[in-house]
Amino acid sequence: MTDRFTYLDAASAEPLHPAAREVLLAAAEQGYADPRRLHRPARSAGLLLANAREVVAEALGVRRDEVLFTSSGTAAVHAGLLGLGSRGIGHSAVEHQAVIDAARWSQRSPVTELAVDGEARVEGAAVREAVRAGDVDVVAVQQANHEVGTLQPLDEVASAAGPASLFVDAGAAMGRLPLPSVGDAIAGSARKWGGPGGVGVLVVRRAARWRWPFPGDEWSRTDQGFTNIPGALAAAAALQAVVAERDEVNARQHELVALVRERVRTEIPDVDVAGPAEDRLPHLVTFSALYVDGEALVTALDRIGAGVASGSACTSDTREPSRVLAAMGALTHGNVRLSLTRDTTREDVERVLDALPGIVKDLRAEAGL
């Protein structure tokens, strides 16, 4: 056990950005009131909320009235997807569990799973075939995969979808990459870019055929319920900062991920590095080590002061084999995901890489191999 800890699970939650921390404390003093009321504290809260919406809209390159704050990234996914269409839903086989849960809950028929290739990239032909069948009027395809980092060909998907509405889960990419130019509704989660938990962002294009899908008043381009105003403002501040620094951070993270991919492949026998080397998210990499239990590997890394993820990263029980890796035909046994924070250094990465071959060897020996 070591006192030094290297957090490499930013794909689950990025540490709070300094810009968000400062704003969160300040906004808590002024953003407590219900902005729908008419008294002075309510007007003050309303101004803070309007400011948060303006900053998010500018950072994402969308209209202010296209931005909706939700209680989480999952809530944004559910509202965005379920508000589109009325018949069937087609989603890629590697979507986040929130998309799959929403599609099943909707009880629409059919719910069609769209095939992906060996790099977890959705196939345009699968999209086109599902829509041509006549029952699918909503296609859900993520901007980038949350487990292996693959960027999806969204322009191709939008073309293949034709008249169907397109929902994009941008949870893994929002802030780290420019917002896609296509998509009727696009969802993101503040905790993925260094904002506070409990804040989601849903972008609904003005021309989208979208309606609020849950009980309550018809959505009128305003937020439903009582918005977490300090959280929204802190999320906006973090997003603004992340967008401003992303070119430098992305370049550094791409180099570190390339280092991980190379050293894991060359220094550990019987290992499978998933996903493409290019056209990917900059900050994460997943690999699977044959004959090694993923949970045991995570625990061993935790003992030396390194926090990583394993299993199916988008389910409540992470001990389940990765559904994403299975869909792309990759090795699911003994998989781990390393995802870098904005502050991860080469020294941090090399310390983990230096320890990995010995850890894997010891775990295999314990298993009698």
Protein backbone atom coordinates (compact mmCIF):
# COMPACT_ATOMS: atom_id res chain seq x y z
CA MET A 1 0.00 0.00 0.00
CA THR A 2 1.26 3.50 -0.87
CA ASP A 3 0.23 7.00 0.18
CA ARG A 4 0.75 8.23 -3.38
CA PHE A 5 -2.33 7.69 -5.54
CA THR A 6 -2.71 8.09 -9.28
CA TYR A 7 -6.35 8.45 -10.31
CA LEU A 8 -6.88 6.97 -13.78
CA ASP A 9 -10.67 6.75 -13.93
CA ALA A 10 -11.52 10.16 -15.40
CA ALA A 11 -13.90 8.54 -17.92
CA SER A 12 -16.17 7.79 -14.94
CA ALA A 13 -15.71 11.18 -13.29
CA GLU A 14 -13.08 13.86 -13.86
CA PRO A 15 -11.88 15.56 -10.66
CA LEU A 16 -13.57 18.90 -10.07
CA HIS A 17 -11.97 21.57 -12.24
CA PRO A 18 -10.48 24.50 -10.26
CA ALA A 19 -12.73 26.87 -12.23
CA ALA A 20 -15.78 24.89 -11.11
CA ARG A 21 -14.68 24.81 -7.49
CA GLU A 22 -14.39 28.57 -7.26
CA VAL A 23 -17.72 29.23 -8.95
CA LEU A 24 -19.58 26.54 -6.99
CA LEU A 25 -18.80 28.13 -3.64
CA ALA A 26 -19.66 31.63 -4.82
CA ALA A 27 -22.89 30.61 -6.58
CA ALA A 28 -24.15 28.71 -3.54
CA GLU A 29 -24.52 32.04 -1.75
CA GLN A 30 -26.76 33.53 -4.43
CA GLY A 31 -28.31 30.64 -6.34
CA TYR A 32 -30.53 29.03 -3.73
CA ALA A 33 -33.90 30.54 -4.65
CA ASP A 34 -36.48 29.30 -7.15
CA PRO A 35 -35.83 31.31 -10.34
CA ARG A 36 -39.52 31.02 -11.29
CA ARG A 37 -40.57 33.33 -8.45
CA LEU A 38 -40.72 37.13 -8.60
CA HIS A 39 -38.85 38.24 -5.48
CA ARG A 40 -35.29 39.56 -5.42
CA PRO A 41 -33.47 36.31 -4.47
CA ALA A 42 -35.38 34.51 -7.23
CA ARG A 43 -34.39 37.13 -9.79
CA SER A 44 -30.79 36.80 -8.68
CA ALA A 45 -30.96 33.01 -9.09
CA GLY A 46 -32.57 33.45 -12.49
CA LEU A 47 -29.72 35.65 -13.67
CA LEU A 48 -27.19 33.05 -12.55
CA LEU A 49 -29.08 30.32 -14.43
CA ALA A 50 -29.29 32.46 -17.56
CA ASN A 51 -25.56 33.10 -17.32
CA ALA A 52 -24.85 29.37 -16.99
CA ARG A 53 -26.97 28.64 -20.05
CA GLU A 54 -25.22 31.37 -22.04
CA VAL A 55 -21.74 30.08 -21.16
CA VAL A 56 -22.64 26.47 -22.02
CA ALA A 57 -24.22 27.53 -25.31
CA GLU A 58 -21.14 29.54 -26.29
CA ALA A 59 -18.75 26.73 -25.31
CA LEU A 60 -20.72 24.19 -27.36
CA GLY A 61 -21.44 26.49 -30.29
CA VAL A 62 -25.24 26.27 -30.03
CA ARG A 63 -28.12 28.65 -29.35
CA ARG A 64 -28.88 29.57 -25.76
CA ASP A 65 -32.48 28.38 -26.12
CA GLU A 66 -31.24 24.94 -27.24
CA VAL A 67 -29.62 24.22 -23.85
CA LEU A 68 -31.50 22.37 -21.11
CA PHE A 69 -30.03 21.49 -17.70
CA THR A 70 -30.99 18.14 -16.18
CA SER A 71 -30.28 16.35 -12.89
CA SER A 72 -27.61 14.09 -14.42
CA GLY A 73 -26.12 12.85 -17.67
CA THR A 74 -28.41 9.82 -17.47
CA ALA A 75 -31.45 12.10 -17.15
CA ALA A 76 -30.26 14.03 -20.20
CA VAL A 77 -29.94 10.78 -22.17
CA HIS A 78 -33.38 9.60 -21.16
CA ALA A 79 -35.11 12.90 -21.92
CA GLY A 80 -33.26 13.40 -25.18
CA LEU A 81 -33.85 9.93 -26.59
CA LEU A 82 -37.41 9.40 -25.40
CA GLY A 83 -38.50 12.84 -26.58
CA LEU A 84 -37.73 11.92 -30.19
CA GLY A 85 -39.94 9.78 -32.42
CA SER A 86 -42.91 7.62 -31.59
CA ARG A 87 -42.27 4.24 -33.18
CA GLY A 88 -39.10 2.15 -33.00
CA ILE A 89 -35.58 2.93 -31.74
CA GLY A 90 -32.37 1.73 -33.33
CA HIS A 91 -29.19 1.97 -31.24
CA SER A 92 -25.65 0.78 -31.74
CA ALA A 93 -24.54 -2.37 -29.92
CA VAL A 94 -22.00 -0.36 -27.91
CA GLU A 95 -24.21 2.41 -26.52
CA HIS A 96 -24.08 3.41 -22.87
CA GLN A 97 -26.43 1.43 -20.64
CA ALA A 98 -28.54 4.57 -20.12
CA VAL A 99 -29.51 4.49 -23.81
CA ILE A 100 -30.34 0.79 -23.74
CA ASP A 101 -32.38 1.16 -20.54
CA ALA A 102 -34.37 4.05 -22.01
CA ALA A 103 -35.08 2.15 -25.22
CA ARG A 104 -36.32 -0.88 -23.30
CA TRP A 105 -38.40 1.24 -20.91
CA SER A 106 -40.11 3.02 -23.80
CA GLN A 107 -41.74 -0.29 -24.83
CA ARG A 108 -41.54 0.83 -28.43
CA SER A 109 -41.43 -1.84 -31.08
CA PRO A 110 -39.00 -2.62 -32.44
CA VAL A 111 -35.85 -1.82 -30.50
CA THR A 112 -33.13 -2.67 -33.01
CA GLU A 113 -29.49 -3.23 -32.14
CA LEU A 114 -27.17 -1.89 -34.82
CA ALA A 115 -24.02 -3.89 -35.55
CA VAL A 116 -20.50 -2.52 -35.01
CA ASP A 117 -17.16 -3.55 -36.48
CA GLY A 118 -14.06 -4.80 -34.67
CA GLU A 119 -13.19 -1.27 -33.53
CA ALA A 120 -16.67 -0.62 -32.07
CA ARG A 121 -17.64 1.60 -35.01
CA VAL A 122 -21.28 1.49 -36.07
CA GLU A 123 -21.93 0.40 -39.63
CA GLY A 124 -23.85 2.79 -41.84
CA ALA A 125 -25.44 -0.11 -43.71
CA ALA A 126 -26.97 -1.36 -40.44
CA VAL A 127 -28.47 2.08 -39.80
CA ARG A 128 -29.85 2.33 -43.33
CA GLU A 129 -31.40 -1.14 -43.19
CA ALA A 130 -33.08 -0.51 -39.83
CA VAL A 131 -34.67 2.74 -41.03
CA ARG A 132 -35.72 1.30 -44.39
CA ALA A 133 -37.62 -1.46 -42.58
CA GLY A 134 -40.12 1.27 -41.71
CA ASP A 135 -40.53 0.89 -37.96
CA VAL A 136 -37.43 2.74 -36.67
CA ASP A 137 -37.86 6.50 -36.54
CA VAL A 138 -35.11 7.28 -33.98
CA VAL A 139 -31.46 6.28 -34.29
CA ALA A 140 -29.20 6.54 -31.22
CA VAL A 141 -25.45 6.58 -31.82
CA GLN A 142 -22.87 7.96 -29.38
CA GLN A 143 -20.26 10.51 -30.39
CA ALA A 144 -17.45 8.43 -28.90
CA ASN A 145 -17.38 5.14 -27.06
CA HIS A 146 -17.01 5.39 -23.30
CA GLU A 147 -14.99 2.17 -22.95
CA VAL A 148 -12.62 2.00 -25.91
CA GLY A 149 -12.68 5.60 -27.18
CA THR A 150 -13.81 4.96 -30.77
CA LEU A 151 -15.20 8.03 -32.56
CA GLN A 152 -18.38 7.22 -34.44
CA PRO A 153 -18.90 8.35 -38.07
CA LEU A 154 -21.85 10.57 -37.19
CA ASP A 155 -22.08 12.35 -40.55
CA GLU A 156 -22.34 8.96 -42.24
CA VAL A 157 -24.88 7.81 -39.65
CA ALA A 158 -27.00 10.93 -40.14
CA SER A 159 -27.00 10.40 -43.89
CA ALA A 160 -27.91 6.73 -43.50
CA ALA A 161 -30.68 7.57 -41.02
CA GLY A 162 -32.42 9.72 -43.62
CA PRO A 163 -35.79 10.91 -42.26
CA ALA A 164 -35.29 9.31 -38.84
CA SER A 165 -34.36 11.53 -35.90
CA LEU A 166 -30.82 11.19 -34.55
CA PHE A 167 -29.98 11.11 -30.84
CA VAL A 168 -26.32 11.47 -29.85
CA ASP A 169 -24.95 10.54 -26.45
CA ALA A 170 -21.92 12.84 -26.17
CA GLY A 171 -21.26 12.02 -22.53
CA ALA A 172 -17.74 10.71 -23.12
CA ALA A 173 -16.76 13.52 -25.48
CA MET A 174 -18.60 16.73 -24.57
CA GLY A 175 -16.04 19.43 -23.84
CA ARG A 176 -13.12 17.23 -24.90
CA LEU A 177 -14.18 17.41 -28.56
CA PRO A 178 -16.29 19.89 -30.55
CA LEU A 179 -20.00 19.17 -30.44
CA PRO A 180 -21.11 17.18 -33.50
CA SER A 181 -22.83 19.19 -36.21
CA VAL A 182 -25.51 16.51 -36.56
CA GLY A 183 -28.00 15.24 -34.01
CA ASP A 184 -31.50 16.40 -33.11
CA ALA A 185 -30.78 15.93 -29.40
CA ILE A 186 -27.33 15.63 -27.81
CA ALA A 187 -26.69 14.69 -24.17
CA GLY A 188 -23.72 15.20 -21.86
CA SER A 189 -22.70 14.89 -18.21
CA ALA A 190 -20.87 17.61 -16.29
CA ARG A 191 -18.89 15.19 -14.12
CA LYS A 192 -17.17 13.89 -17.27
CA TRP A 193 -15.55 17.28 -17.97
CA GLY A 194 -14.77 18.34 -14.40
CA GLY A 195 -18.07 19.87 -13.37
CA PRO A 196 -19.97 18.76 -10.25
CA GLY A 197 -22.05 15.60 -10.14
CA GLY A 198 -25.80 15.93 -10.46
CA VAL A 199 -25.73 18.17 -13.56
CA GLY A 200 -26.50 17.05 -17.10
CA VAL A 201 -26.76 19.05 -20.31
CA LEU A 202 -29.21 18.31 -23.09
CA VAL A 203 -28.97 20.19 -26.38
CA VAL A 204 -32.18 20.08 -28.42
CA ARG A 205 -31.97 21.66 -31.86
CA ARG A 206 -34.67 24.19 -32.63
CA ALA A 207 -35.80 22.23 -35.69
CA ALA A 208 -35.96 18.89 -33.85
CA ARG A 209 -39.23 16.98 -33.62
CA TRP A 210 -38.88 16.63 -29.84
CA ARG A 211 -41.32 16.78 -26.92
CA TRP A 212 -40.81 16.50 -23.19
CA PRO A 213 -41.45 12.75 -22.63
CA PHE A 214 -42.25 12.68 -18.91
CA PRO A 215 -45.16 13.87 -16.74
CA GLY A 216 -45.44 17.62 -16.30
CA ASP A 217 -46.04 20.74 -18.33
CA GLU A 218 -45.02 20.79 -21.97
CA TRP A 219 -41.39 21.81 -22.19
CA SER A 220 -40.99 25.37 -23.42
CA ARG A 221 -37.22 25.55 -23.86
CA THR A 222 -36.73 25.97 -20.12
CA ASP A 223 -35.56 23.52 -17.47
CA GLN A 224 -38.01 21.17 -15.78
CA GLY A 225 -38.32 21.22 -11.99
CA PHE A 226 -35.94 22.98 -9.62
CA THR A 227 -32.55 23.33 -11.31
CA ASN A 228 -29.33 22.94 -9.34
CA ILE A 229 -28.26 26.50 -10.14
CA PRO A 230 -24.87 26.51 -8.36
CA GLY A 231 -24.11 23.18 -10.00
CA ALA A 232 -25.15 24.42 -13.44
CA LEU A 233 -23.01 27.53 -13.10
CA ALA A 234 -20.01 25.50 -11.90
CA ALA A 235 -20.51 23.05 -14.76
CA ALA A 236 -20.57 25.95 -17.20
CA ALA A 237 -17.36 27.40 -15.77
CA ALA A 238 -15.62 24.02 -16.01
CA LEU A 239 -16.83 23.49 -19.58
CA GLN A 240 -15.61 26.91 -20.63
CA ALA A 241 -12.18 26.20 -19.12
CA VAL A 242 -11.94 22.71 -20.63
CA VAL A 243 -12.80 23.97 -24.11
CA ALA A 244 -10.19 26.72 -23.81
CA GLU A 245 -7.43 24.28 -22.82
CA ARG A 246 -8.44 21.17 -24.75
CA ASP A 247 -5.99 21.46 -27.67
CA GLU A 248 -3.02 21.37 -25.31
CA VAL A 249 -4.53 18.76 -22.98
CA ASN A 250 -5.69 16.50 -25.83
CA ALA A 251 -2.27 16.52 -27.49
CA ARG A 252 -0.58 15.56 -24.23
CA GLN A 253 -3.12 12.84 -23.47
CA HIS A 254 -2.89 11.36 -26.98
CA GLU A 255 0.86 10.93 -26.45
CA LEU A 256 0.38 9.26 -23.07
CA VAL A 257 -2.31 6.90 -24.35
CA ALA A 258 -0.05 5.96 -27.29
CA LEU A 259 2.67 5.17 -24.73
CA VAL A 260 0.28 2.93 -22.78
CA ARG A 261 -0.83 1.09 -25.92
CA GLU A 262 2.76 0.47 -27.04
CA ARG A 263 4.17 -0.65 -23.70
CA VAL A 264 1.24 -2.88 -22.81
CA ARG A 265 1.49 -4.63 -26.17
CA THR A 266 5.25 -5.15 -26.00
CA GLU A 267 5.75 -5.86 -22.29
CA ILE A 268 2.78 -8.07 -21.34
CA PRO A 269 2.21 -11.42 -23.12
CA ASP A 270 -1.29 -12.40 -24.27
CA VAL A 271 -2.84 -8.97 -24.09
CA ASP A 272 -5.46 -7.37 -26.36
CA VAL A 273 -5.57 -3.56 -26.67
CA ALA A 274 -9.07 -2.59 -27.77
CA GLY A 275 -10.16 0.12 -30.16
CA PRO A 276 -8.39 2.11 -32.87
CA ALA A 277 -5.04 3.84 -32.46
CA GLU A 278 -6.40 6.91 -34.29
CA ASP A 279 -9.84 8.55 -34.55
CA ARG A 280 -10.41 8.08 -30.84
CA LEU A 281 -10.89 9.96 -27.61
CA PRO A 282 -7.58 11.34 -26.38
CA HIS A 283 -7.68 10.27 -22.76
CA LEU A 284 -8.65 6.60 -22.42
CA VAL A 285 -7.42 3.15 -23.36
CA THR A 286 -8.77 -0.32 -22.60
CA PHE A 287 -6.84 -3.58 -22.71
CA SER A 288 -7.57 -7.17 -21.68
CA ALA A 289 -5.03 -9.61 -20.25
CA LEU A 290 -5.73 -13.28 -20.90
CA TYR A 291 -5.87 -15.58 -17.84
CA VAL A 292 -6.24 -12.62 -15.45
CA ASP A 293 -9.33 -11.66 -13.45
CA GLY A 294 -10.15 -8.00 -14.10
CA GLU A 295 -11.30 -7.34 -10.55
CA ALA A 296 -8.10 -8.84 -9.16
CA LEU A 297 -6.05 -6.63 -11.47
CA VAL A 298 -7.94 -3.51 -10.36
CA THR A 299 -7.40 -4.44 -6.72
CA ALA A 300 -3.69 -5.06 -7.25
CA LEU A 301 -3.29 -1.70 -8.96
CA ASP A 302 -5.20 -0.01 -6.17
CA ARG A 303 -2.70 -1.47 -3.67
CA ILE A 304 0.16 0.28 -5.45
CA GLY A 305 -1.81 3.53 -5.61
CA ALA A 306 -3.48 3.51 -9.03
CA GLY A 307 -7.23 3.74 -9.63
CA VAL A 308 -8.58 2.18 -12.85
CA ALA A 309 -11.89 0.71 -14.02
CA SER A 310 -12.77 -2.83 -15.07
CA GLY A 311 -15.71 -4.82 -16.35
CA SER A 312 -18.65 -3.26 -18.13
CA ALA A 313 -18.09 0.40 -17.41
CA CYS A 314 -21.71 1.49 -17.89
CA THR A 315 -23.59 -1.06 -15.78
CA SER A 316 -24.43 -1.01 -12.10
CA ASP A 317 -22.44 -4.21 -11.56
CA THR A 318 -18.98 -3.53 -13.04
CA ARG A 319 -17.95 -7.14 -12.44
CA GLU A 320 -19.99 -8.20 -15.47
CA PRO A 321 -17.94 -8.78 -18.64
CA SER A 322 -17.83 -5.74 -20.89
CA ARG A 323 -20.78 -5.69 -23.27
CA VAL A 324 -18.88 -3.25 -25.51
CA LEU A 325 -15.87 -5.54 -25.89
CA ALA A 326 -18.15 -8.51 -26.58
CA ALA A 327 -20.02 -6.60 -29.30
CA MET A 328 -16.79 -5.70 -31.11
CA GLY A 329 -15.42 -9.24 -30.81
CA ALA A 330 -12.57 -8.30 -28.46
CA LEU A 331 -11.25 -10.24 -25.48
CA THR A 332 -13.48 -9.55 -22.45
CA HIS A 333 -11.51 -11.47 -19.83
CA GLY A 334 -9.32 -9.44 -17.46
CA ASN A 335 -10.01 -6.05 -19.01
CA VAL A 336 -9.10 -2.69 -17.48
CA ARG A 337 -9.68 0.88 -18.64
CA LEU A 338 -7.18 3.63 -17.91
CA SER A 339 -8.52 7.15 -18.40
CA LEU A 340 -6.35 10.19 -17.80
CA THR A 341 -7.26 13.37 -15.97
CA ARG A 342 -6.17 16.77 -17.25
CA ASP A 343 -3.35 16.70 -14.68
CA THR A 344 -2.04 13.17 -15.34
CA THR A 345 1.71 13.29 -15.99
CA ARG A 346 4.07 11.01 -17.88
CA GLU A 347 5.59 10.07 -14.54
CA ASP A 348 2.15 8.95 -13.29
CA VAL A 349 1.61 6.78 -16.36
CA GLU A 350 5.10 5.28 -16.36
CA ARG A 351 4.84 4.36 -12.68
CA VAL A 352 1.75 2.26 -13.44
CA LEU A 353 3.24 0.80 -16.61
CA ASP A 354 6.41 -0.21 -14.76
CA ALA A 355 4.33 -2.16 -12.25
CA LEU A 356 1.84 -3.78 -14.67
CA PRO A 357 3.95 -6.63 -16.13
CA GLY A 358 4.91 -7.90 -12.66
CA ILE A 359 1.33 -7.64 -11.39
CA VAL A 360 -0.06 -9.57 -14.36
CA LYS A 361 2.66 -12.21 -14.02
CA ASP A 362 1.93 -12.67 -10.30
CA LEU A 363 -1.83 -12.95 -10.89
CA ARG A 364 -1.31 -15.56 -13.57
CA ALA A 365 1.01 -17.47 -11.25
CA GLU A 366 -1.63 -17.39 -8.50
CA ALA A 367 -4.07 -18.90 -11.00
CA GLY A 368 -1.61 -21.72 -11.63
CA LEU A 369 -0.48 -20.51 -15.06
